[in-house]
Protein backbone atom coordinates (compact mmCIF):
# COMPACT_ATOMS: atom_id res chain seq x y z
CA VAL A 1 42.97 38.82 41.49
CA GLY A 2 40.18 36.32 40.91
CA LEU A 3 42.16 33.08 41.06
CA ILE A 4 45.70 31.89 41.84
CA ASP A 5 46.28 28.21 41.02
CA ILE A 6 49.41 26.76 42.65
CA ARG A 7 50.65 23.33 41.56
CA ARG A 8 53.85 21.54 42.42
CA GLY A 9 54.08 17.78 41.94
CA ASP A 10 51.13 16.19 43.76
CA PHE A 11 50.42 19.42 45.65
CA SER A 12 47.67 21.69 44.36
CA VAL A 13 45.85 24.61 45.98
CA LYS A 14 43.59 27.35 44.66
CA LEU A 15 43.43 30.82 46.21
CA ARG A 16 40.43 32.94 45.25
CA ASP A 17 39.36 36.58 45.47
CA VAL A 18 42.78 37.94 46.46
CA GLN A 19 42.55 41.58 47.59
CA ALA A 20 45.61 43.49 48.84
CA ARG A 21 46.96 47.02 49.04
CA PHE A 22 50.55 48.28 49.33
CA ALA A 23 51.72 51.71 50.41
CA SER A 24 55.12 53.24 51.17
CA SER A 25 56.25 56.56 52.59
CA GLY A 26 59.88 55.73 51.77
CA SER A 27 60.68 55.04 55.40
CA VAL A 28 57.72 52.79 56.26
CA HIS A 29 56.32 50.11 53.95
CA THR A 30 52.80 48.77 54.56
CA LEU A 31 51.10 45.74 53.04
CA GLU A 32 47.41 45.22 53.81
CA LEU A 33 46.02 41.82 52.86
CA GLN A 34 42.29 42.46 52.83
CA ARG A 35 41.27 38.89 52.00
CA ILE A 36 42.30 35.61 50.43
CA ASP A 37 39.79 32.76 50.22
CA SER A 38 41.67 29.48 50.66
CA PRO A 39 40.57 25.84 51.21
CA TRP A 40 41.25 26.41 54.94
CA GLY A 41 39.29 29.63 55.29
CA ARG A 42 39.62 33.36 54.75
CA LEU A 43 43.02 34.92 55.43
CA SER A 44 43.59 38.60 56.16
CA GLY A 45 46.38 40.62 57.76
CA THR A 46 48.77 43.56 57.75
CA LEU A 47 52.53 44.00 57.63
CA ASN A 48 54.52 47.14 58.48
CA LEU A 49 58.27 47.29 57.87
CA HIS A 50 60.56 50.26 58.58
CA GLY A 51 63.08 50.86 55.82
CA HIS A 52 66.00 51.77 58.09
CA ALA A 53 68.02 49.74 60.62
CA PRO A 54 67.07 47.91 62.76
CA PHE A 55 64.19 47.38 60.25
CA ALA A 56 61.39 47.11 62.81
CA LEU A 57 58.61 44.78 61.71
CA LYS A 58 55.04 44.46 62.93
CA SER A 59 52.58 42.07 61.38
CA THR A 60 49.30 40.30 62.12
CA ALA A 61 47.52 37.58 60.17
CA GLU A 62 44.23 35.85 60.92
CA LEU A 63 42.68 32.73 59.40
CA ILE A 64 38.91 32.42 59.82
CA PRO A 65 37.49 28.97 58.97
CA PRO A 66 34.86 28.70 56.23
CA ASN A 67 31.23 28.60 57.26
CA GLY A 68 29.78 25.19 57.94
CA ASP A 69 30.54 22.19 60.11
CA THR A 70 34.35 22.16 60.15
CA PRO A 71 36.88 21.34 62.88
CA GLN A 72 39.29 23.92 61.49
CA PRO A 73 40.31 26.27 64.34
CA ARG A 74 40.45 30.03 64.08
CA MET A 75 44.11 31.10 64.06
CA ARG A 76 46.00 34.35 64.63
CA LEU A 77 49.71 35.06 64.10
CA ASP A 78 51.47 38.15 65.47
CA LEU A 79 55.04 39.15 64.59
CA HIS A 80 57.00 42.09 65.98
CA GLY A 81 60.57 43.24 66.58
CA PRO A 82 63.68 44.05 64.55
CA LEU A 83 64.17 41.98 61.43
CA ALA A 84 67.17 40.18 62.97
CA GLU A 85 65.14 39.01 65.99
CA ILE A 86 61.44 38.61 65.32
CA ARG A 87 59.12 37.59 68.14
CA ALA A 88 56.23 35.42 67.00
CA GLN A 89 53.00 34.48 68.77
CA LEU A 90 50.42 32.03 67.45
CA LYS A 91 46.95 31.37 68.88
CA ALA A 92 44.41 28.73 67.85
CA GLN A 93 40.87 28.37 69.11
CA SER A 94 37.77 26.32 68.31
CA ASN A 95 35.11 24.34 70.18
CA TRP A 96 37.63 21.51 70.69
CA LEU A 97 40.95 23.35 70.92
CA GLN A 98 42.55 26.24 72.75
CA ALA A 99 46.31 26.59 72.32
CA GLY A 100 49.11 29.08 71.86
CA ALA A 101 52.79 29.19 70.98
CA SER A 102 55.61 31.72 70.94
CA ALA A 103 59.16 31.79 69.59
CA VAL A 104 62.01 34.09 68.67
CA ILE A 105 63.03 33.89 64.99
CA GLN A 106 66.60 34.92 64.09
CA PRO A 107 66.68 34.50 60.29
CA PHE A 108 70.36 35.46 59.92
CA GLN A 109 71.70 33.12 62.64
CA PRO A 110 72.67 29.42 62.30
CA GLY A 111 70.06 28.55 64.94
CA GLN A 112 67.09 30.41 63.54
CA VAL A 113 64.49 29.44 66.20
CA THR A 114 65.01 29.98 69.93
CA GLY A 115 62.77 30.11 72.97
CA LEU A 116 60.01 28.01 71.42
CA LYS A 117 57.15 27.58 73.90
CA ALA A 118 53.76 26.01 73.31
CA ASP A 119 50.83 25.79 75.72
CA LEU A 120 47.90 23.47 75.15
CA VAL A 121 45.08 24.81 77.32
CA ARG A 122 42.42 22.38 76.11
CA LEU A 123 42.19 19.61 73.54
CA ASP A 124 38.90 17.67 73.53
CA LEU A 125 39.39 14.58 71.38
CA HIS A 126 35.76 13.40 71.45
CA THR A 127 34.46 16.82 70.38
CA LEU A 128 36.96 16.86 67.51
CA ASP A 129 35.83 13.41 66.34
CA PRO A 130 33.09 11.36 68.08
CA SER A 131 34.90 8.16 67.10
CA LEU A 132 37.84 9.14 69.35
CA PRO A 133 37.88 8.33 73.10
CA LYS A 134 36.81 10.96 75.63
CA ALA A 135 39.73 13.01 76.95
CA SER A 136 40.41 16.59 77.99
CA LEU A 137 44.10 17.21 77.39
CA SER A 138 46.39 20.04 78.38
CA GLY A 139 50.14 20.35 78.10
CA ARG A 140 53.25 22.38 77.43
CA LEU A 141 56.34 22.21 75.23
CA THR A 142 59.64 24.09 75.33
CA ALA A 143 62.30 23.71 72.64
CA THR A 144 65.20 25.34 70.88
CA GLN A 145 66.91 24.77 67.55
CA SER A 146 70.09 22.85 68.40
CA GLN A 147 71.16 22.34 64.78
CA GLN A 148 70.00 23.71 61.43
CA THR A 149 67.10 21.24 61.07
CA GLN A 150 66.92 19.86 64.62
CA LEU A 151 64.81 20.82 67.64
CA THR A 152 65.47 19.64 71.20
CA GLY A 153 63.31 20.23 74.23
CA GLU A 154 60.81 18.92 76.76
CA ALA A 155 57.10 18.15 76.49
CA GLU A 156 54.34 17.19 78.93
CA LEU A 157 50.73 16.13 78.31
CA ILE A 158 48.07 15.84 81.04
CA ASN A 159 44.67 14.16 80.71
CA ARG A 160 42.22 15.80 83.12
CA THR A 161 39.46 13.20 82.52
CA PRO A 162 41.14 9.77 82.38
CA GLY A 163 39.07 6.60 82.30
CA THR A 164 38.99 3.15 80.78
CA LEU A 165 38.59 2.08 77.17
CA THR A 166 35.36 0.28 78.11
CA GLN A 167 34.05 3.71 79.16
CA ASN A 168 35.18 5.08 75.79
CA SER A 169 37.77 7.15 77.67
CA LEU A 170 41.51 7.54 77.27
CA PRO A 171 43.36 5.75 80.12
CA LEU A 172 46.42 8.00 79.84
CA THR A 173 46.87 10.36 82.80
CA ARG A 174 50.27 11.90 82.01
CA LEU A 175 52.97 11.71 79.38
CA ALA A 176 56.27 13.57 79.71
CA ALA A 177 59.61 13.30 77.91
CA ARG A 178 62.66 15.06 76.58
CA PHE A 179 62.86 14.92 72.80
CA MET A 180 65.01 15.50 69.76
CA LEU A 181 63.24 16.10 66.45
CA ASP A 182 64.48 16.48 62.91
CA PRO A 183 62.70 15.86 59.57
CA ASP A 184 63.59 12.14 59.55
CA LEU A 185 63.80 11.17 63.22
CA LEU A 186 62.08 11.60 66.60
CA VAL A 187 64.01 10.52 69.71
CA LEU A 188 62.33 10.43 73.15
CA ASP A 189 64.34 10.30 76.38
CA ASP A 190 63.40 10.10 80.08
CA LEU A 191 59.88 9.03 79.09
CA LYS A 192 57.28 9.10 81.89
CA LEU A 193 53.86 7.51 81.32
CA GLY A 194 50.92 7.53 83.71
CA VAL A 195 47.88 5.26 83.26
CA HIS A 196 44.48 5.32 84.98
CA LEU A 197 43.96 2.53 87.53
CA GLY A 198 41.80 -0.23 86.10
CA ALA A 199 42.64 0.63 82.50
């Protein structure tokens, strides 16, 4: 397919050069997405689904940024497990970011996301955008879906290179909190904030 033009309200996106292949043996169904050129890069991946209970699924998808000077990270998503309890892993990497996340997705349960964990290995703000202060951030997040559209959990952020604003550095040393998040509200509790001396 040469072009898919998606429009909904103010949202518009064009997908180009879509190449895919589907095969089925009757008991195993396979979808191979050879390429899709999107505004965010080239997407490719595979999906295998067994046609009998427990409907084992295995899938990978990778987004490679377009050539040129772009901060867009390279991303990879892996899914595996029975259809009722899918384990997901996401990795993102670029010259300014290294991060990963995992979760268990239970699409047929009231709480569809459990065991959400995210690890920020490195986030370099100044490399992302030279107008931002210098900081090398790492952190972690754990959360679970407490209601249909609500996540609750804990998060921590560490700055390994704190400084002062006059040094064009971020004075934050540590930020930690419990949180509750839904589409319309973010609530922070037990907030802990550390600041570099002299900031």
